[in-house]
Amino acid sequence: MLSGVPATSLWALRAKAEENQKDKALLQDALAAEWYPKIAWLFDEALEAQYSQILQKAIVLRTLILDRLVKTHFQKHKNPGLLELGCGFSTRFARISPSQGNWYDLDLPEIIELRASLGFPSQANHWHIVASAFENDWFDYLQNQNPQELLIIAEGLLMYFPLERVKTLIFSLKQKFPGAYFAFDVIGSMHLKSAQNAAEQTESPIYWGTASISQFCKEMELEIAGDLSLGTHLSLIPRLHSSLSPLTRSLLRWKWLSDKMGGSVLTKL
């Protein structure tokens, strides 16, 4: 059985598997649809109680935005690298299917073992690293990667750890991979309390949120390198625009409100 933070990765897998079955799916993910039934038995009552169609859609929207970022990154660089910290049951490699560069999926032993049992398609440029994101012993796996061509993603991860540990991680990444891009998501102050209440039920406490993404990045000494807000991507990804109500689309255009809601951000280390 999975428990605590590792178990929360099942939400994302289920969300993408369900989206794949819809007639007007925002996201096609055949591998998620193949994987989820095999490990649905791990989706216990606590996870089920906190899962909803709102969460499902939020995960899919975040996935679309990050997928677009990754595609752009691989198109832009000659020898790109992608590192997913706390990858969980991410199937992004299968969706993007990059023809060049190197892709690293990193997570704890129990997750990587489950991924292996599910039968991830083997490719020469796709690596799995068994490690905690908050340790430094995995850095050498990327020693030949040019930091300037590296994109690191921490999707649905950082909020589950005390802020001091997050600061230490960011400092270590900056020291080892100067100039790399770092994308992560944060919970805004508007949703923090409800998210914390839900997290208590799954034994995966959420330690922090922020009222301002830009202020948080400033405190972490991170340079904002791109806009990953949902409001901005409404005009960039037509499927997003049509999937939301007119009222929601209107509200998302307010920058101050978007900050309080939280979301994904792209920074440079």
C-alpha atoms as a PDB file:
ATOM      1  CA  MET A   1       0.000   0.000   0.000  1.00  0.00           C
ATOM      2  CA  LEU A   2       1.041   3.572  -0.637  1.00  0.00           C
ATOM      3  CA  SER A   3       0.531   6.150   2.082  1.00  0.00           C
ATOM      4  CA  GLY A   4       1.248   9.786   2.792  1.00  0.00           C
ATOM      5  CA  VAL A   5       2.682  11.976   0.036  1.00  0.00           C
ATOM      6  CA  PRO A   6       3.507   9.102  -2.392  1.00  0.00           C
ATOM      7  CA  ALA A   7      -0.165   8.068  -2.376  1.00  0.00           C
ATOM      8  CA  THR A   8      -1.280  11.493  -3.615  1.00  0.00           C
ATOM      9  CA  SER A   9       0.312  10.674  -6.986  1.00  0.00           C
ATOM     10  CA  LEU A  10      -2.622   8.336  -7.587  1.00  0.00           C
ATOM     11  CA  TRP A  11      -4.921  11.365  -7.903  1.00  0.00           C
ATOM     12  CA  ALA A  12      -3.012  12.606 -10.942  1.00  0.00           C
ATOM     13  CA  LEU A  13      -2.942   9.186 -12.596  1.00  0.00           C
ATOM     14  CA  ARG A  14      -6.672   8.691 -12.126  1.00  0.00           C
ATOM     15  CA  ALA A  15      -7.446  12.220 -13.352  1.00  0.00           C
ATOM     16  CA  LYS A  16      -5.595  11.662 -16.622  1.00  0.00           C
ATOM     17  CA  ALA A  17      -7.015   8.167 -17.077  1.00  0.00           C
ATOM     18  CA  GLU A  18     -10.554   9.507 -16.686  1.00  0.00           C
ATOM     19  CA  GLU A  19      -9.885  12.407 -19.047  1.00  0.00           C
ATOM     20  CA  ASN A  20      -8.664  10.008 -21.713  1.00  0.00           C
ATOM     21  CA  GLN A  21     -12.079   8.299 -21.720  1.00  0.00           C
ATOM     22  CA  LYS A  22     -14.088  11.482 -22.355  1.00  0.00           C
ATOM     23  CA  ASP A  23     -15.619  12.217 -25.757  1.00  0.00           C
ATOM     24  CA  LYS A  24     -14.211  15.757 -25.761  1.00  0.00           C
ATOM     25  CA  ALA A  25     -11.061  15.090 -23.786  1.00  0.00           C
ATOM     26  CA  LEU A  26      -8.692  17.958 -23.087  1.00  0.00           C
ATOM     27  CA  LEU A  27      -5.894  15.430 -22.828  1.00  0.00           C
ATOM     28  CA  GLN A  28      -5.143  12.126 -24.525  1.00  0.00           C
ATOM     29  CA  ASP A  29      -3.244   9.749 -22.258  1.00  0.00           C
ATOM     30  CA  ALA A  30      -3.548   6.121 -23.285  1.00  0.00           C
ATOM     31  CA  LEU A  31      -0.796   5.020 -20.903  1.00  0.00           C
ATOM     32  CA  ALA A  32      -2.564   6.512 -17.871  1.00  0.00           C
ATOM     33  CA  ALA A  33      -5.747   4.741 -18.977  1.00  0.00           C
ATOM     34  CA  GLU A  34      -3.767   1.491 -19.173  1.00  0.00           C
ATOM     35  CA  TRP A  35      -1.989   1.944 -15.856  1.00  0.00           C
ATOM     36  CA  TYR A  36      -4.734   3.124 -13.541  1.00  0.00           C
ATOM     37  CA  PRO A  37      -6.939  -0.021 -13.607  1.00  0.00           C
ATOM     38  CA  LYS A  38      -3.874  -2.089 -12.675  1.00  0.00           C
ATOM     39  CA  ILE A  39      -3.306  -0.177  -9.437  1.00  0.00           C
ATOM     40  CA  ALA A  40      -6.790   1.178  -8.714  1.00  0.00           C
ATOM     41  CA  TRP A  41      -6.837  -1.077  -5.655  1.00  0.00           C
ATOM     42  CA  LEU A  42      -4.306   1.301  -4.074  1.00  0.00           C
ATOM     43  CA  PHE A  43      -6.848   4.122  -4.241  1.00  0.00           C
ATOM     44  CA  ASP A  44      -8.143   3.804  -0.681  1.00  0.00           C
ATOM     45  CA  GLU A  45     -11.151   5.392   1.045  1.00  0.00           C
ATOM     46  CA  ALA A  46      -9.190   8.425   2.244  1.00  0.00           C
ATOM     47  CA  LEU A  47      -8.021   9.238  -1.291  1.00  0.00           C
ATOM     48  CA  GLU A  48     -11.507   8.601  -2.664  1.00  0.00           C
ATOM     49  CA  ALA A  49     -13.099  10.943  -0.129  1.00  0.00           C
ATOM     50  CA  GLN A  50     -10.914  13.858  -1.256  1.00  0.00           C
ATOM     51  CA  TYR A  51     -11.152  13.177  -4.993  1.00  0.00           C
ATOM     52  CA  SER A  52     -13.651  15.215  -6.982  1.00  0.00           C
ATOM     53  CA  GLN A  53     -14.375  16.377 -10.508  1.00  0.00           C
ATOM     54  CA  ILE A  54     -12.994  19.787  -9.530  1.00  0.00           C
ATOM     55  CA  LEU A  55      -9.684  18.200  -8.541  1.00  0.00           C
ATOM     56  CA  GLN A  56      -9.722  16.061 -11.674  1.00  0.00           C
ATOM     57  CA  LYS A  57     -10.113  19.089 -13.916  1.00  0.00           C
ATOM     58  CA  ALA A  58      -7.511  21.121 -12.009  1.00  0.00           C
ATOM     59  CA  ILE A  59      -4.964  18.333 -12.487  1.00  0.00           C
ATOM     60  CA  VAL A  60      -5.727  18.068 -16.200  1.00  0.00           C
ATOM     61  CA  LEU A  61      -5.421  21.838 -16.700  1.00  0.00           C
ATOM     62  CA  ARG A  62      -2.074  21.903 -14.881  1.00  0.00           C
ATOM     63  CA  THR A  63      -0.898  18.954 -16.965  1.00  0.00           C
ATOM     64  CA  LEU A  64      -1.776  20.692 -20.233  1.00  0.00           C
ATOM     65  CA  ILE A  65       0.136  23.828 -19.263  1.00  0.00           C
ATOM     66  CA  LEU A  66       3.237  21.905 -18.199  1.00  0.00           C
ATOM     67  CA  ASP A  67       3.093  19.676 -21.285  1.00  0.00           C
ATOM     68  CA  ARG A  68       3.169  22.784 -23.455  1.00  0.00           C
ATOM     69  CA  LEU A  69       6.177  24.072 -21.514  1.00  0.00           C
ATOM     70  CA  VAL A  70       8.041  20.776 -21.951  1.00  0.00           C
ATOM     71  CA  LYS A  71       7.344  20.620 -25.693  1.00  0.00           C
ATOM     72  CA  THR A  72       8.661  24.159 -26.104  1.00  0.00           C
ATOM     73  CA  HIS A  73      11.764  23.308 -24.083  1.00  0.00           C
ATOM     74  CA  PHE A  74      12.623  20.310 -26.256  1.00  0.00           C
ATOM     75  CA  GLN A  75      12.048  22.292 -29.440  1.00  0.00           C
ATOM     76  CA  LYS A  76      14.209  25.172 -28.246  1.00  0.00           C
ATOM     77  CA  HIS A  77      17.367  23.308 -27.213  1.00  0.00           C
ATOM     78  CA  LYS A  78      19.802  21.105 -29.113  1.00  0.00           C
ATOM     79  CA  ASN A  79      20.530  18.733 -26.203  1.00  0.00           C
ATOM     80  CA  PRO A  80      17.636  19.277 -23.787  1.00  0.00           C
ATOM     81  CA  GLY A  81      17.235  17.594 -20.443  1.00  0.00           C
ATOM     82  CA  LEU A  82      14.085  17.107 -18.386  1.00  0.00           C
ATOM     83  CA  LEU A  83      13.992  16.075 -14.727  1.00  0.00           C
ATOM     84  CA  GLU A  84      10.700  15.299 -12.987  1.00  0.00           C
ATOM     85  CA  LEU A  85      11.217  15.469  -9.223  1.00  0.00           C
ATOM     86  CA  GLY A  86       8.776  13.265  -7.358  1.00  0.00           C
ATOM     87  CA  CYS A  87       7.491  11.968 -10.688  1.00  0.00           C
ATOM     88  CA  GLY A  88       4.881   9.686  -9.145  1.00  0.00           C
ATOM     89  CA  PHE A  89       2.963   7.973 -11.939  1.00  0.00           C
ATOM     90  CA  SER A  90       3.711  10.664 -14.484  1.00  0.00           C
ATOM     91  CA  THR A  91       3.175   9.527 -18.064  1.00  0.00           C
ATOM     92  CA  ARG A  92       4.466  12.765 -19.569  1.00  0.00           C
ATOM     93  CA  PHE A  93       7.366  11.072 -21.367  1.00  0.00           C
ATOM     94  CA  ALA A  94       4.921   8.878 -23.294  1.00  0.00           C
ATOM     95  CA  ARG A  95       2.745  11.885 -24.201  1.00  0.00           C
ATOM     96  CA  ILE A  96       5.635  14.096 -25.340  1.00  0.00           C
ATOM     97  CA  SER A  97       7.795  11.282 -26.798  1.00  0.00           C
ATOM     98  CA  PRO A  98      10.933  13.390 -27.339  1.00  0.00           C
ATOM     99  CA  SER A  99      13.303  12.247 -30.064  1.00  0.00           C
ATOM    100  CA  GLN A 100      16.389  13.916 -28.588  1.00  0.00           C
ATOM    101  CA  GLY A 101      17.866  14.822 -25.222  1.00  0.00           C
ATOM    102  CA  ASN A 102      17.560  12.969 -21.913  1.00  0.00           C
ATOM    103  CA  TRP A 103      14.591  12.536 -19.605  1.00  0.00           C
ATOM    104  CA  TYR A 104      14.925  11.670 -15.916  1.00  0.00           C
ATOM    105  CA  ASP A 105      12.037  10.549 -13.696  1.00  0.00           C
ATOM    106  CA  LEU A 106      12.980  10.590  -9.994  1.00  0.00           C
ATOM    107  CA  ASP A 107      11.046   9.244  -7.027  1.00  0.00           C
ATOM    108  CA  LEU A 108      11.168   7.032  -3.951  1.00  0.00           C
ATOM    109  CA  PRO A 109      11.798   3.262  -4.237  1.00  0.00           C
ATOM    110  CA  GLU A 110       8.160   2.242  -3.747  1.00  0.00           C
ATOM    111  CA  ILE A 111       7.033   4.470  -6.627  1.00  0.00           C
ATOM    112  CA  ILE A 112       9.775   3.462  -9.058  1.00  0.00           C
ATOM    113  CA  GLU A 113       9.151  -0.216  -8.292  1.00  0.00           C
ATOM    114  CA  LEU A 114       5.451   0.196  -9.036  1.00  0.00           C
ATOM    115  CA  ARG A 115       6.225   2.058 -12.257  1.00  0.00           C
ATOM    116  CA  ALA A 116       8.473  -0.811 -13.328  1.00  0.00           C
ATOM    117  CA  SER A 117       5.751  -3.359 -12.580  1.00  0.00           C
ATOM    118  CA  LEU A 118       3.309  -1.433 -14.756  1.00  0.00           C
ATOM    119  CA  GLY A 119       5.547  -1.813 -17.793  1.00  0.00           C
ATOM    120  CA  PHE A 120       6.789   1.588 -18.868  1.00  0.00           C
ATOM    121  CA  PRO A 121       7.936   1.491 -22.538  1.00  0.00           C
ATOM    122  CA  SER A 122      11.747   1.361 -22.522  1.00  0.00           C
ATOM    123  CA  GLN A 123      13.680   3.991 -24.456  1.00  0.00           C
ATOM    124  CA  ALA A 124      17.383   4.819 -24.490  1.00  0.00           C
ATOM    125  CA  ASN A 125      16.923   8.466 -23.494  1.00  0.00           C
ATOM    126  CA  HIS A 126      14.556   7.810 -20.567  1.00  0.00           C
ATOM    127  CA  TRP A 127      16.029   7.183 -17.125  1.00  0.00           C
ATOM    128  CA  HIS A 128      14.504   6.354 -13.745  1.00  0.00           C
ATOM    129  CA  ILE A 129      16.317   7.505 -10.604  1.00  0.00           C
ATOM    130  CA  VAL A 130      15.526   5.951  -7.221  1.00  0.00           C
ATOM    131  CA  ALA A 131      16.026   8.742  -4.694  1.00  0.00           C
ATOM    132  CA  SER A 132      14.393  11.405  -2.577  1.00  0.00           C
ATOM    133  CA  ALA A 133      14.209  14.801  -4.248  1.00  0.00           C
ATOM    134  CA  PHE A 134      15.454  16.329  -0.998  1.00  0.00           C
ATOM    135  CA  GLU A 135      18.731  14.420  -0.933  1.00  0.00           C
ATOM    136  CA  ASN A 136      21.789  15.299  -3.003  1.00  0.00           C
ATOM    137  CA  ASP A 137      23.066  11.831  -3.842  1.00  0.00           C
ATOM    138  CA  TRP A 138      21.270  11.775  -7.195  1.00  0.00           C
ATOM    139  CA  PHE A 139      22.953  14.904  -8.586  1.00  0.00           C
ATOM    140  CA  ASP A 140      25.741  12.923 -10.258  1.00  0.00           C
ATOM    141  CA  TYR A 141      23.244  11.191 -12.538  1.00  0.00           C
ATOM    142  CA  LEU A 142      22.956  14.514 -14.372  1.00  0.00           C
ATOM    143  CA  GLN A 143      26.643  15.440 -14.303  1.00  0.00           C
ATOM    144  CA  ASN A 144      26.889  15.484 -18.112  1.00  0.00           C
ATOM    145  CA  GLN A 145      23.761  17.602 -18.558  1.00  0.00           C
ATOM    146  CA  ASN A 146      24.263  21.253 -19.485  1.00  0.00           C
ATOM    147  CA  PRO A 147      22.249  23.184 -16.841  1.00  0.00           C
ATOM    148  CA  GLN A 148      21.372  25.850 -19.422  1.00  0.00           C
ATOM    149  CA  GLU A 149      19.410  23.200 -21.335  1.00  0.00           C
ATOM    150  CA  LEU A 150      17.805  21.555 -18.299  1.00  0.00           C
ATOM    151  CA  LEU A 151      14.186  21.907 -17.200  1.00  0.00           C
ATOM    152  CA  ILE A 152      13.315  20.636 -13.713  1.00  0.00           C
ATOM    153  CA  ILE A 153       9.671  20.055 -12.808  1.00  0.00           C
ATOM    154  CA  ALA A 154       8.274  19.605  -9.297  1.00  0.00           C
ATOM    155  CA  GLU A 155       4.588  18.977  -9.955  1.00  0.00           C
ATOM    156  CA  GLY A 156       2.307  18.607  -6.938  1.00  0.00           C
ATOM    157  CA  LEU A 157       5.288  18.179  -4.631  1.00  0.00           C
ATOM    158  CA  LEU A 158       6.752  21.149  -2.755  1.00  0.00           C
ATOM    159  CA  MET A 159       3.692  22.097  -0.700  1.00  0.00           C
ATOM    160  CA  TYR A 160       3.883  18.744   1.117  1.00  0.00           C
ATOM    161  CA  PHE A 161       7.180  19.656   2.776  1.00  0.00           C
ATOM    162  CA  PRO A 162       8.140  22.316   5.350  1.00  0.00           C
ATOM    163  CA  LEU A 163       9.220  25.583   3.788  1.00  0.00           C
ATOM    164  CA  GLU A 164      12.727  25.325   5.218  1.00  0.00           C
ATOM    165  CA  ARG A 165      13.253  22.012   3.426  1.00  0.00           C
ATOM    166  CA  VAL A 166      11.957  23.567   0.219  1.00  0.00           C
ATOM    167  CA  LYS A 167      14.391  26.474   0.614  1.00  0.00           C
ATOM    168  CA  THR A 168      17.262  24.031   1.134  1.00  0.00           C
ATOM    169  CA  LEU A 169      16.267  22.075  -1.972  1.00  0.00           C
ATOM    170  CA  ILE A 170      16.092  25.212  -4.110  1.00  0.00           C
ATOM    171  CA  PHE A 171      19.474  26.388  -2.823  1.00  0.00           C
ATOM    172  CA  SER A 172      21.014  22.992  -3.650  1.00  0.00           C
ATOM    173  CA  LEU A 173      19.505  23.029  -7.145  1.00  0.00           C
ATOM    174  CA  LYS A 174      20.848  26.535  -7.747  1.00  0.00           C
ATOM    175  CA  GLN A 175      24.323  25.459  -6.656  1.00  0.00           C
ATOM    176  CA  LYS A 176      24.370  22.313  -8.799  1.00  0.00           C
ATOM    177  CA  PHE A 177      22.391  23.459 -11.843  1.00  0.00           C
ATOM    178  CA  PRO A 178      22.944  27.216 -12.240  1.00  0.00           C
ATOM    179  CA  GLY A 179      20.924  28.630 -15.101  1.00  0.00           C
ATOM    180  CA  ALA A 180      18.535  25.676 -15.291  1.00  0.00           C
ATOM    181  CA  TYR A 181      14.786  26.235 -15.515  1.00  0.00           C
ATOM    182  CA  PHE A 182      12.641  25.174 -12.570  1.00  0.00           C
ATOM    183  CA  ALA A 183       8.866  24.798 -12.841  1.00  0.00           C
ATOM    184  CA  PHE A 184       6.706  24.071  -9.813  1.00  0.00           C
ATOM    185  CA  ASP A 185       3.236  24.747  -8.495  1.00  0.00           C
ATOM    186  CA  VAL A 186       2.059  26.460  -5.334  1.00  0.00           C
ATOM    187  CA  ILE A 187      -1.231  26.633  -3.491  1.00  0.00           C
ATOM    188  CA  GLY A 188      -2.640  30.132  -3.235  1.00  0.00           C
ATOM    189  CA  SER A 189      -3.941  31.616  -0.008  1.00  0.00           C
ATOM    190  CA  MET A 190      -7.500  31.413  -1.350  1.00  0.00           C
ATOM    191  CA  HIS A 191      -7.398  27.605  -1.386  1.00  0.00           C
ATOM    192  CA  LEU A 192      -4.854  26.908   1.344  1.00  0.00           C
ATOM    193  CA  LYS A 193      -7.179  26.157   4.263  1.00  0.00           C
ATOM    194  CA  SER A 194      -9.464  23.834   2.327  1.00  0.00           C
ATOM    195  CA  ALA A 195      -6.444  22.052   0.830  1.00  0.00           C
ATOM    196  CA  GLN A 196      -4.912  21.592   4.279  1.00  0.00           C
ATOM    197  CA  ASN A 197      -8.149  20.189   5.689  1.00  0.00           C
ATOM    198  CA  ALA A 198      -8.358  17.671   2.854  1.00  0.00           C
ATOM    199  CA  ALA A 199      -4.681  16.731   3.165  1.00  0.00           C
ATOM    200  CA  GLU A 200      -5.092  15.847   6.830  1.00  0.00           C
ATOM    201  CA  GLN A 201      -7.438  13.039   5.833  1.00  0.00           C
ATOM    202  CA  THR A 202      -4.778  11.441   3.631  1.00  0.00           C
ATOM    203  CA  GLU A 203      -1.901  11.841   6.108  1.00  0.00           C
ATOM    204  CA  SER A 204      -0.114  14.140   3.673  1.00  0.00           C
ATOM    205  CA  PRO A 205      -0.099  17.541   5.406  1.00  0.00           C
ATOM    206  CA  ILE A 206       0.278  20.684   3.328  1.00  0.00           C
ATOM    207  CA  TYR A 207       2.732  22.962   5.081  1.00  0.00           C
ATOM    208  CA  TRP A 208       2.507  26.241   3.237  1.00  0.00           C
ATOM    209  CA  GLY A 209       0.911  28.368   0.558  1.00  0.00           C
ATOM    210  CA  THR A 210       1.331  31.917  -0.682  1.00  0.00           C
ATOM    211  CA  ALA A 211      -0.735  35.022  -1.354  1.00  0.00           C
ATOM    212  CA  SER A 212       1.682  36.115  -4.080  1.00  0.00           C
ATOM    213  CA  ILE A 213       3.631  33.862  -6.426  1.00  0.00           C
ATOM    214  CA  SER A 214       5.964  36.692  -7.408  1.00  0.00           C
ATOM    215  CA  GLN A 215       6.721  37.505  -3.764  1.00  0.00           C
ATOM    216  CA  PHE A 216       7.369  33.838  -3.006  1.00  0.00           C
ATOM    217  CA  CYS A 217       9.859  33.632  -5.883  1.00  0.00           C
ATOM    218  CA  LYS A 218      11.574  36.765  -4.615  1.00  0.00           C
ATOM    219  CA  GLU A 219      11.936  35.235  -1.148  1.00  0.00           C
ATOM    220  CA  MET A 220      13.385  32.061  -2.701  1.00  0.00           C
ATOM    221  CA  GLU A 221      15.755  34.186  -4.818  1.00  0.00           C
ATOM    222  CA  LEU A 222      14.293  32.745  -7.999  1.00  0.00           C
ATOM    223  CA  GLU A 223      14.004  34.685 -11.241  1.00  0.00           C
ATOM    224  CA  ILE A 224      10.585  34.321 -12.884  1.00  0.00           C
ATOM    225  CA  ALA A 225      11.275  33.079 -16.414  1.00  0.00           C
ATOM    226  CA  GLY A 226       7.797  32.598 -17.842  1.00  0.00           C
ATOM    227  CA  ASP A 227       4.070  32.876 -17.254  1.00  0.00           C
ATOM    228  CA  LEU A 228       2.377  29.551 -16.568  1.00  0.00           C
ATOM    229  CA  SER A 229      -0.827  31.039 -15.185  1.00  0.00           C
ATOM    230  CA  LEU A 230      -4.120  29.537 -16.275  1.00  0.00           C
ATOM    231  CA  GLY A 231      -5.410  32.970 -17.273  1.00  0.00           C
ATOM    232  CA  THR A 232      -2.585  33.493 -19.768  1.00  0.00           C
ATOM    233  CA  HIS A 233      -2.916  30.024 -21.249  1.00  0.00           C
ATOM    234  CA  LEU A 234      -6.601  30.479 -22.025  1.00  0.00           C
ATOM    235  CA  SER A 235      -5.567  32.310 -25.188  1.00  0.00           C
ATOM    236  CA  LEU A 236      -2.668  29.965 -25.960  1.00  0.00           C
ATOM    237  CA  ILE A 237      -4.507  26.655 -25.673  1.00  0.00           C
ATOM    238  CA  PRO A 238      -7.987  26.892 -27.264  1.00  0.00           C
ATOM    239  CA  ARG A 239      -9.138  23.708 -25.522  1.00  0.00           C
ATOM    240  CA  LEU A 240      -8.621  25.402 -22.155  1.00  0.00           C
ATOM    241  CA  HIS A 241     -10.685  28.410 -23.151  1.00  0.00           C
ATOM    242  CA  SER A 242     -13.681  26.363 -24.247  1.00  0.00           C
ATOM    243  CA  SER A 243     -13.546  24.101 -21.185  1.00  0.00           C
ATOM    244  CA  LEU A 244     -14.213  26.901 -18.675  1.00  0.00           C
ATOM    245  CA  SER A 245     -17.319  28.959 -18.044  1.00  0.00           C
ATOM    246  CA  PRO A 246     -17.412  32.622 -19.176  1.00  0.00           C
ATOM    247  CA  LEU A 247     -17.385  33.744 -15.521  1.00  0.00           C
ATOM    248  CA  THR A 248     -14.306  31.651 -14.715  1.00  0.00           C
ATOM    249  CA  ARG A 249     -12.499  32.932 -17.802  1.00  0.00           C
ATOM    250  CA  SER A 250     -13.284  36.501 -16.797  1.00  0.00           C
ATOM    251  CA  LEU A 251     -12.082  36.042 -13.213  1.00  0.00           C
ATOM    252  CA  LEU A 252      -8.828  34.416 -14.293  1.00  0.00           C
ATOM    253  CA  ARG A 253      -7.822  37.543 -16.180  1.00  0.00           C
ATOM    254  CA  TRP A 254      -7.407  39.395 -12.880  1.00  0.00           C
ATOM    255  CA  LYS A 255      -3.733  39.032 -11.944  1.00  0.00           C
ATOM    256  CA  TRP A 256      -4.270  39.631  -8.216  1.00  0.00           C
ATOM    257  CA  LEU A 257      -6.932  36.919  -8.119  1.00  0.00           C
ATOM    258  CA  SER A 258      -4.759  34.505 -10.069  1.00  0.00           C
ATOM    259  CA  ASP A 259      -1.988  35.036  -7.502  1.00  0.00           C
ATOM    260  CA  LYS A 260      -4.314  34.209  -4.617  1.00  0.00           C
ATOM    261  CA  MET A 261      -5.506  31.061  -6.394  1.00  0.00           C
ATOM    262  CA  GLY A 262      -1.973  29.795  -6.907  1.00  0.00           C
ATOM    263  CA  GLY A 263      -0.813  27.703  -9.832  1.00  0.00           C
ATOM    264  CA  SER A 264       2.330  26.828 -11.729  1.00  0.00           C
ATOM    265  CA  VAL A 265       5.342  29.085 -12.205  1.00  0.00           C
ATOM    266  CA  LEU A 266       8.481  28.889 -14.339  1.00  0.00           C
ATOM    267  CA  THR A 267      11.686  30.204 -12.788  1.00  0.00           C
ATOM    268  CA  LYS A 268      15.396  30.217 -13.529  1.00  0.00           C
ATOM    269  CA  LEU A 269      17.884  28.896 -10.996  1.00  0.00           C
END
